């Protein structure tokens, strides 16, 4: 089953029909939704497969006017793939993941996923909110120190969302919705969540999360794609060039839990304020790198002037692909694929080897519920959580 929204002819017909009627009842929300797009742009949906309980799962394909193609599935609100051209115009998928829903159902690396309720780590799986202690599952133990990671055993990455595609002038996308029950994975409050992927004709992929709650809770919803801008999943990302707009990073203990210190990057291998090849200093004799087995830390973003702050620029010198990231969040986690070890077989039967992809996750501070000096991770009734992350693609 496939539904395709395309054809400028439909736009013309729609405009002719609407000119003959009173449109006062149409588009009451003020949205610029349109019934189709011009040129080669499109948004389409089809059945991707079925969950173990028989529920159907959809996949959405977004294509912009320049030929970029993003695929998103309802399972885990996952970015399945993203095809981007190199400097010669050759398209290639620049993400790690799986070809089929059956593959995604085995996903333990959080490839492409929307993770939550709390992305990143919470020390010992415990936090106190309004005088009450909450205990979460501990599903990660770096350095032999247990912690709660990415929302728990069955976080947002492992549930079925409900997707609805949309088509706007110069952009198209899908909004996915999920209601997380009070007590799910140990978190308080019923949480209503909406995640939107938008692909526009400026070659931007925008991931945006919003949420409301009926009781106080903690929240840090994060997008977790693994990137290799070469388009060749067998190659190392150590040859990628990275810039981070951050003068400080969060120092951690051996369990990768922030100590509370915002350490200066100057004079250390953590300094990406100017472009550096990722592999240039990754094996340096530096405590933070030893704790993480390489880069797996949160950088504190420098304050910007507008609603969004520039966070990172990633370049593959070989293909010329460039990805710039901006966000409204205070930090970015740079994870260098240190725990990829060839045991996971992904798209095209490729085994994902050590450091063949990296993550750049904009976020609140890890373990913020246990750090009173961190930007607050608490969401209360009447408030709306909002996380916006813009990926801008170009070549050089």
Protein backbone atom coordinates (compact mmCIF):
# COMPACT_ATOMS: atom_id res chain seq x y z
CA UNK A 1 0.00 0.00 0.00
CA UNK A 2 1.48 3.35 -0.98
CA UNK A 3 0.19 6.89 -0.86
CA UNK A 4 1.97 9.58 -2.85
CA UNK A 5 1.49 13.33 -2.54
CA UNK A 6 2.91 15.05 -5.64
CA UNK A 7 1.99 16.88 -8.82
CA UNK A 8 1.84 20.58 -9.47
CA UNK A 9 -1.25 19.91 -11.57
CA UNK A 10 -3.19 19.19 -8.38
CA UNK A 11 -2.07 22.53 -7.01
CA UNK A 12 -3.45 24.34 -10.02
CA UNK A 13 -6.74 22.43 -9.89
CA UNK A 14 -7.03 23.06 -6.16
CA UNK A 15 -6.46 26.76 -6.65
CA UNK A 16 -9.16 26.92 -9.38
CA UNK A 17 -11.68 25.13 -7.17
CA UNK A 18 -10.92 27.19 -4.10
CA UNK A 19 -11.39 30.43 -6.04
CA UNK A 20 -15.02 29.45 -6.58
CA UNK A 21 -15.81 28.81 -2.91
CA UNK A 22 -15.72 30.55 0.44
CA UNK A 23 -12.48 29.39 2.08
CA UNK A 24 -13.27 30.81 5.51
CA UNK A 25 -13.57 27.31 6.98
CA UNK A 26 -10.39 26.03 5.38
CA UNK A 27 -6.96 26.10 7.02
CA UNK A 28 -8.45 27.29 10.30
CA UNK A 29 -5.18 26.63 12.10
CA UNK A 30 -3.33 29.17 9.97
CA UNK A 31 -1.07 26.42 8.61
CA UNK A 32 0.43 26.66 5.15
CA UNK A 33 -0.37 23.02 4.39
CA UNK A 34 -0.91 22.37 0.70
CA UNK A 35 -2.31 19.34 -1.18
CA UNK A 36 0.87 18.84 -3.21
CA UNK A 37 4.25 20.25 -4.18
CA UNK A 38 5.79 21.36 -7.41
CA UNK A 39 8.82 19.98 -9.17
CA UNK A 40 10.38 16.70 -8.10
CA UNK A 41 9.55 17.16 -4.40
CA UNK A 42 7.28 14.62 -2.74
CA UNK A 43 6.15 12.96 0.46
CA UNK A 44 4.87 9.41 0.39
CA UNK A 45 4.03 6.64 2.80
CA UNK A 46 3.80 2.86 2.65
CA UNK A 47 3.58 -0.07 5.04
CA UNK A 48 7.08 -0.95 6.25
CA UNK A 49 6.12 -4.11 8.10
CA UNK A 50 4.35 -5.34 11.20
CA UNK A 51 5.16 -5.33 14.89
CA UNK A 52 5.31 -8.70 16.68
CA UNK A 53 1.71 -8.11 17.83
CA UNK A 54 0.55 -7.60 14.24
CA UNK A 55 0.27 -3.79 14.25
CA UNK A 56 1.23 -2.22 10.93
CA UNK A 57 4.18 0.16 10.83
CA UNK A 58 4.47 2.90 8.23
CA UNK A 59 7.54 4.41 6.61
CA UNK A 60 7.53 7.92 5.15
CA UNK A 61 9.75 9.05 2.27
CA UNK A 62 10.49 12.77 1.96
CA UNK A 63 12.14 14.14 -1.18
CA UNK A 64 13.08 17.78 -1.65
CA UNK A 65 13.45 19.86 -4.82
CA UNK A 66 17.20 19.18 -4.92
CA UNK A 67 16.89 15.39 -4.68
CA UNK A 68 17.70 14.82 -1.00
CA UNK A 69 15.73 11.85 0.33
CA UNK A 70 14.88 11.19 3.98
CA UNK A 71 13.04 8.11 5.23
CA UNK A 72 11.33 8.04 8.62
CA UNK A 73 9.45 5.19 10.30
CA UNK A 74 6.78 5.17 13.00
CA UNK A 75 8.77 2.61 14.96
CA UNK A 76 10.98 4.54 17.36
CA UNK A 77 10.35 7.79 15.41
CA UNK A 78 13.51 6.69 13.61
CA UNK A 79 15.35 8.35 10.74
CA UNK A 80 15.83 5.25 8.60
CA UNK A 81 18.08 6.85 6.00
CA UNK A 82 19.16 10.16 4.51
CA UNK A 83 20.52 10.41 0.97
CA UNK A 84 22.63 13.51 0.34
CA UNK A 85 24.71 14.46 -2.74
CA UNK A 86 28.49 14.81 -2.72
CA UNK A 87 30.38 17.58 -4.54
CA UNK A 88 29.82 15.72 -7.83
CA UNK A 89 26.09 15.36 -7.23
CA UNK A 90 26.24 11.66 -6.36
CA UNK A 91 23.62 10.67 -3.80
CA UNK A 92 24.47 8.32 -0.94
CA UNK A 93 22.91 7.33 2.38
CA UNK A 94 25.02 8.87 5.15
CA UNK A 95 23.50 7.05 8.14
CA UNK A 96 23.95 3.70 9.85
CA UNK A 97 20.90 1.50 10.36
CA UNK A 98 18.92 -1.39 8.88
CA UNK A 99 17.15 -2.19 5.62
CA UNK A 100 14.01 -3.72 7.13
CA UNK A 101 11.70 -3.25 10.10
CA UNK A 102 12.84 -6.67 11.34
CA UNK A 103 16.34 -5.24 11.54
CA UNK A 104 15.20 -2.14 13.39
CA UNK A 105 13.41 -4.31 15.94
CA UNK A 106 16.86 -5.60 16.96
CA UNK A 107 18.30 -2.07 17.27
CA UNK A 108 20.35 -1.84 20.48
CA UNK A 109 22.66 0.95 19.29
CA UNK A 110 19.89 3.58 18.98
CA UNK A 111 20.66 4.07 15.29
CA UNK A 112 18.56 6.95 13.96
CA UNK A 113 16.26 6.89 16.96
CA UNK A 114 14.31 9.40 18.97
CA UNK A 115 15.40 8.56 22.52
CA UNK A 116 13.62 9.43 25.76
CA UNK A 117 12.13 10.17 28.08
CA UNK A 118 15.63 11.10 29.17
CA UNK A 119 18.33 10.83 26.54
CA UNK A 120 21.87 10.26 27.83
CA UNK A 121 22.63 9.09 31.37
CA UNK A 122 21.12 9.41 34.84
CA UNK A 123 23.48 8.32 37.63
CA UNK A 124 22.53 5.07 39.36
CA UNK A 125 19.07 5.27 37.76
CA UNK A 126 17.82 7.57 40.52
CA UNK A 127 16.63 11.15 40.87
CA UNK A 128 14.59 13.19 43.32
CA UNK A 129 11.79 15.49 42.19
CA UNK A 130 9.75 17.64 44.57
CA UNK A 131 11.03 15.62 47.51
CA UNK A 132 10.19 12.18 46.11
CA UNK A 133 12.87 9.75 44.91
CA UNK A 134 12.29 7.87 41.67
CA UNK A 135 14.12 4.70 40.66
CA UNK A 136 14.68 3.82 37.02
CA UNK A 137 16.19 0.76 35.38
CA UNK A 138 19.98 0.73 35.10
CA UNK A 139 20.75 -0.48 31.59
CA UNK A 140 24.32 0.76 31.09
CA UNK A 141 27.50 0.50 33.16
CA UNK A 142 30.49 2.35 31.70
CA UNK A 143 33.50 1.95 33.95
CA UNK A 144 31.53 -0.66 35.87
CA UNK A 145 29.27 2.09 37.30
CA UNK A 146 25.54 1.44 36.64
CA UNK A 147 23.37 4.19 35.16
CA UNK A 148 20.09 4.72 33.35
CA UNK A 149 20.59 5.31 29.61
CA UNK A 150 18.31 6.73 26.91
CA UNK A 151 14.99 6.20 28.67
CA UNK A 152 15.44 2.63 29.84
CA UNK A 153 14.67 -0.86 28.61
CA UNK A 154 11.77 0.23 26.43
CA UNK A 155 12.30 3.89 25.74
CA UNK A 156 10.86 6.03 22.95
CA UNK A 157 13.14 4.27 20.45
CA UNK A 158 11.30 0.97 20.97
CA UNK A 159 7.65 2.03 20.84
CA UNK A 160 5.25 2.54 17.94
CA UNK A 161 4.41 6.17 17.21
CA UNK A 162 1.53 7.40 15.04
CA UNK A 163 2.71 9.33 11.98
CA UNK A 164 0.93 11.91 9.86
CA UNK A 165 2.60 13.34 6.77
CA UNK A 166 2.29 16.96 5.70
CA UNK A 167 3.15 19.02 2.66
CA UNK A 168 3.95 22.72 2.83
CA UNK A 169 5.36 25.32 0.53
CA UNK A 170 9.06 24.47 0.02
CA UNK A 171 9.00 21.71 2.68
CA UNK A 172 7.43 18.40 3.53
CA UNK A 173 7.59 16.03 6.45
CA UNK A 174 5.97 13.82 9.04
CA UNK A 175 4.71 14.45 12.57
CA UNK A 176 4.81 11.46 14.92
CA UNK A 177 2.83 11.32 18.16
CA UNK A 178 3.08 9.15 21.25
CA UNK A 179 1.54 9.21 24.73
CA UNK A 180 3.85 7.89 27.44
CA UNK A 181 1.83 6.59 30.38
CA UNK A 182 2.39 7.73 33.95
CA UNK A 183 5.00 5.40 35.43
CA UNK A 184 6.34 4.19 32.07
CA UNK A 185 9.95 3.12 32.61
CA UNK A 186 9.64 4.61 36.10
CA UNK A 187 9.02 8.22 35.07
CA UNK A 188 6.20 10.23 36.67
CA UNK A 189 3.38 11.90 34.74
CA UNK A 190 1.52 11.10 31.54
CA UNK A 191 3.58 12.69 28.77
CA UNK A 192 2.14 13.66 25.39
CA UNK A 193 4.93 13.84 22.82
CA UNK A 194 5.14 15.10 19.23
CA UNK A 195 8.22 14.68 17.04
CA UNK A 196 8.39 16.28 13.59
CA UNK A 197 10.85 15.64 10.78
CA UNK A 198 10.86 18.33 8.06
CA UNK A 199 12.92 18.27 4.85
CA UNK A 200 12.94 21.66 3.13
CA UNK A 201 14.26 22.95 -0.18
CA UNK A 202 17.17 24.71 1.54
CA UNK A 203 18.61 21.21 2.12
CA UNK A 204 17.81 21.26 5.82
CA UNK A 205 16.54 18.29 7.79
CA UNK A 206 14.82 19.58 10.91
CA UNK A 207 14.07 17.33 13.88
CA UNK A 208 11.79 18.92 16.45
CA UNK A 209 10.32 17.52 19.68
CA UNK A 210 7.54 18.99 21.82
CA UNK A 211 5.92 17.55 24.94
CA UNK A 212 3.44 18.34 27.70
CA UNK A 213 2.77 16.54 30.99
CA UNK A 214 -0.03 16.19 33.52
CA UNK A 215 2.42 15.92 36.45
CA UNK A 216 5.97 17.11 37.15
CA UNK A 217 8.56 14.97 35.35
CA UNK A 218 12.07 15.13 33.89
CA UNK A 219 12.77 15.18 30.19
CA UNK A 220 15.59 15.24 27.65
CA UNK A 221 14.37 13.95 24.26
CA UNK A 222 17.29 13.41 21.88
CA UNK A 223 17.84 12.52 18.22
CA UNK A 224 20.44 9.77 17.84
CA UNK A 225 21.45 9.30 14.20
CA UNK A 226 24.85 7.84 13.37
CA UNK A 227 26.58 9.76 10.58
CA UNK A 228 29.26 8.87 8.05
CA UNK A 229 29.35 11.62 5.44
CA UNK A 230 31.44 9.53 3.04
CA UNK A 231 28.37 7.45 2.22
CA UNK A 232 30.56 4.35 2.65
CA UNK A 233 29.71 2.62 5.92
CA UNK A 234 32.94 0.61 5.85
CA UNK A 235 35.15 3.69 6.23
CA UNK A 236 36.30 5.37 9.43
CA UNK A 237 34.95 8.73 10.57
CA UNK A 238 38.41 9.51 11.98
CA UNK A 239 39.05 11.22 8.63
CA UNK A 240 36.08 13.57 9.10
CA UNK A 241 36.78 17.14 10.14
CA UNK A 242 34.79 18.45 13.10
CA UNK A 243 34.19 21.90 14.57
CA UNK A 244 32.23 22.39 17.81
CA UNK A 245 31.09 25.84 18.90
CA UNK A 246 31.97 25.14 22.52
CA UNK A 247 34.66 26.53 24.80
CA UNK A 248 33.85 24.05 27.57
CA UNK A 249 32.91 20.41 27.97
CA UNK A 250 31.37 18.52 30.88
CA UNK A 251 34.05 16.63 32.79
CA UNK A 252 32.87 13.19 33.93
CA UNK A 253 33.78 10.40 36.29
CA UNK A 254 34.70 6.93 35.02
CA UNK A 255 30.98 6.18 34.62
CA UNK A 256 30.61 9.07 32.14
CA UNK A 257 28.43 10.98 34.61
CA UNK A 258 29.21 14.72 34.71
CA UNK A 259 31.04 15.84 37.84
CA UNK A 260 29.55 19.34 37.66
CA UNK A 261 32.71 20.92 36.27
CA UNK A 262 32.46 22.78 32.95
CA UNK A 263 36.07 22.24 31.94
CA UNK A 264 37.80 24.50 29.40
CA UNK A 265 38.71 22.81 26.13
CA UNK A 266 41.71 25.06 25.44
CA UNK A 267 44.97 23.16 25.25
CA UNK A 268 43.28 19.73 25.35
CA UNK A 269 42.19 17.10 22.79
CA UNK A 270 38.62 18.26 23.50
CA UNK A 271 39.22 21.55 21.68
CA UNK A 272 37.24 21.60 18.43
CA UNK A 273 36.73 25.36 18.37
CA UNK A 274 38.74 25.23 15.15
CA UNK A 275 38.44 22.34 12.66
CA UNK A 276 40.27 19.13 13.56
CA UNK A 277 40.30 15.65 12.09
CA UNK A 278 38.52 13.40 14.56
CA UNK A 279 41.30 10.83 14.56
CA UNK A 280 44.02 13.41 15.10
CA UNK A 281 43.97 13.26 18.92
CA UNK A 282 41.48 10.52 19.79
CA UNK A 283 44.18 8.24 21.20
CA UNK A 284 45.82 10.97 23.28
CA UNK A 285 46.81 10.25 26.88
CA UNK A 286 43.96 12.29 28.35
CA UNK A 287 41.69 11.21 31.18
CA UNK A 288 38.37 12.11 29.51
CA UNK A 289 39.27 10.10 26.40
CA UNK A 290 40.31 7.13 28.50
CA UNK A 291 37.00 7.18 30.39
CA UNK A 292 35.00 7.21 27.14
CA UNK A 293 37.23 4.94 25.06
CA UNK A 294 37.46 7.96 22.77
CA UNK A 295 35.04 10.83 22.34
CA UNK A 296 31.75 10.34 24.21
CA UNK A 297 31.13 13.61 26.02
CA UNK A 298 28.85 16.63 26.22
CA UNK A 299 30.17 20.00 25.10
CA UNK A 300 28.62 23.19 26.51
CA UNK A 301 27.59 25.33 23.56
CA UNK A 302 28.61 28.95 23.37
CA UNK A 303 25.65 31.30 23.59
CA UNK A 304 24.28 32.54 20.28
CA UNK A 305 22.35 35.68 19.38
CA UNK A 306 19.14 34.16 18.03
CA UNK A 307 16.66 31.42 18.84
CA UNK A 308 19.09 28.80 17.51
CA UNK A 309 22.75 28.37 18.38
CA UNK A 310 25.30 26.98 15.96
CA UNK A 311 26.54 23.74 17.47
CA UNK A 312 28.71 21.78 15.05
CA UNK A 313 30.14 21.54 11.55
CA UNK A 314 31.15 18.16 10.15
CA UNK A 315 33.05 17.81 6.85
CA UNK A 316 34.12 14.78 4.85
CA UNK A 317 37.11 16.10 2.84
CA UNK A 318 36.96 13.17 0.42
CA UNK A 319 33.40 13.68 -0.84
CA UNK A 320 32.99 17.34 0.07
CA UNK A 321 29.80 16.73 2.06
CA UNK A 322 29.21 19.23 4.86
CA UNK A 323 26.68 19.00 7.70
CA UNK A 324 26.07 21.97 10.02
CA UNK A 325 23.96 21.60 13.15
CA UNK A 326 22.15 24.33 15.06
CA UNK A 327 19.85 23.97 18.07
CA UNK A 328 17.97 25.62 20.93
CA UNK A 329 19.57 23.29 23.50
CA UNK A 330 22.55 24.07 25.78
CA UNK A 331 24.80 21.13 24.93
CA UNK A 332 25.84 18.65 22.25
CA UNK A 333 27.01 15.08 22.81
CA UNK A 334 29.74 13.99 20.42
CA UNK A 335 30.04 10.21 20.37
CA UNK A 336 32.70 8.79 18.07
CA UNK A 337 31.34 5.26 17.57
CA UNK A 338 33.75 3.80 20.13
CA UNK A 339 31.51 0.84 20.96
CA UNK A 340 30.85 -0.26 17.38
CA UNK A 341 32.76 -3.50 17.06
CA UNK A 342 31.60 -5.31 13.93
CA UNK A 343 29.00 -7.45 15.69
CA UNK A 344 26.06 -5.50 14.25
CA UNK A 345 25.16 -6.18 10.61
CA UNK A 346 23.31 -3.28 9.04
CA UNK A 347 22.24 -1.96 5.64
CA UNK A 348 23.40 -3.99 2.69
CA UNK A 349 24.86 -6.67 4.97
CA UNK A 350 27.66 -4.37 6.13
CA UNK A 351 29.17 -5.07 9.55
CA UNK A 352 29.53 -1.80 11.42
CA UNK A 353 33.11 -1.67 12.60
CA UNK A 354 34.82 0.52 15.20
CA UNK A 355 34.34 4.25 14.59
CA UNK A 356 32.60 3.89 11.23
CA UNK A 357 29.99 6.47 12.32
CA UNK A 358 29.52 9.23 14.86
CA UNK A 359 26.65 10.89 16.72
CA UNK A 360 26.12 14.60 17.29
CA UNK A 361 23.21 14.85 19.73
CA UNK A 362 21.96 18.26 20.85
CA UNK A 363 20.56 17.98 24.35
CA UNK A 364 20.20 19.19 27.90
CA UNK A 365 22.96 18.22 30.32
CA UNK A 366 23.40 14.50 31.09
CA UNK A 367 22.29 13.65 34.65
CA UNK A 368 20.69 17.10 34.95
CA UNK A 369 18.03 15.83 37.42
CA UNK A 370 20.85 15.22 39.92
CA UNK A 371 22.77 18.44 39.24
CA UNK A 372 21.15 21.58 40.67
CA UNK A 373 23.60 23.78 38.74
CA UNK A 374 22.64 22.32 35.34
CA UNK A 375 19.91 23.82 33.14
CA UNK A 376 16.70 22.36 34.55
CA UNK A 377 15.33 19.16 33.02
CA UNK A 378 12.03 19.46 34.90
CA UNK A 379 8.78 19.82 32.95
CA UNK A 380 5.62 20.81 34.82
CA UNK A 381 1.93 20.90 33.87
CA UNK A 382 1.13 23.95 31.77
CA UNK A 383 4.65 24.06 30.29
CA UNK A 384 5.74 22.83 26.85
CA UNK A 385 9.07 21.14 26.28
CA UNK A 386 10.62 22.17 22.96
CA UNK A 387 13.80 20.83 21.36
CA UNK A 388 14.74 21.90 17.85
CA UNK A 389 17.68 20.56 15.86
CA UNK A 390 18.51 21.72 12.33
CA UNK A 391 20.85 19.74 10.05
CA UNK A 392 21.99 21.86 7.09
CA UNK A 393 23.70 20.10 4.17
CA UNK A 394 26.04 21.50 1.53
CA UNK A 395 29.29 20.64 -0.26
CA UNK A 396 32.74 22.20 -0.56
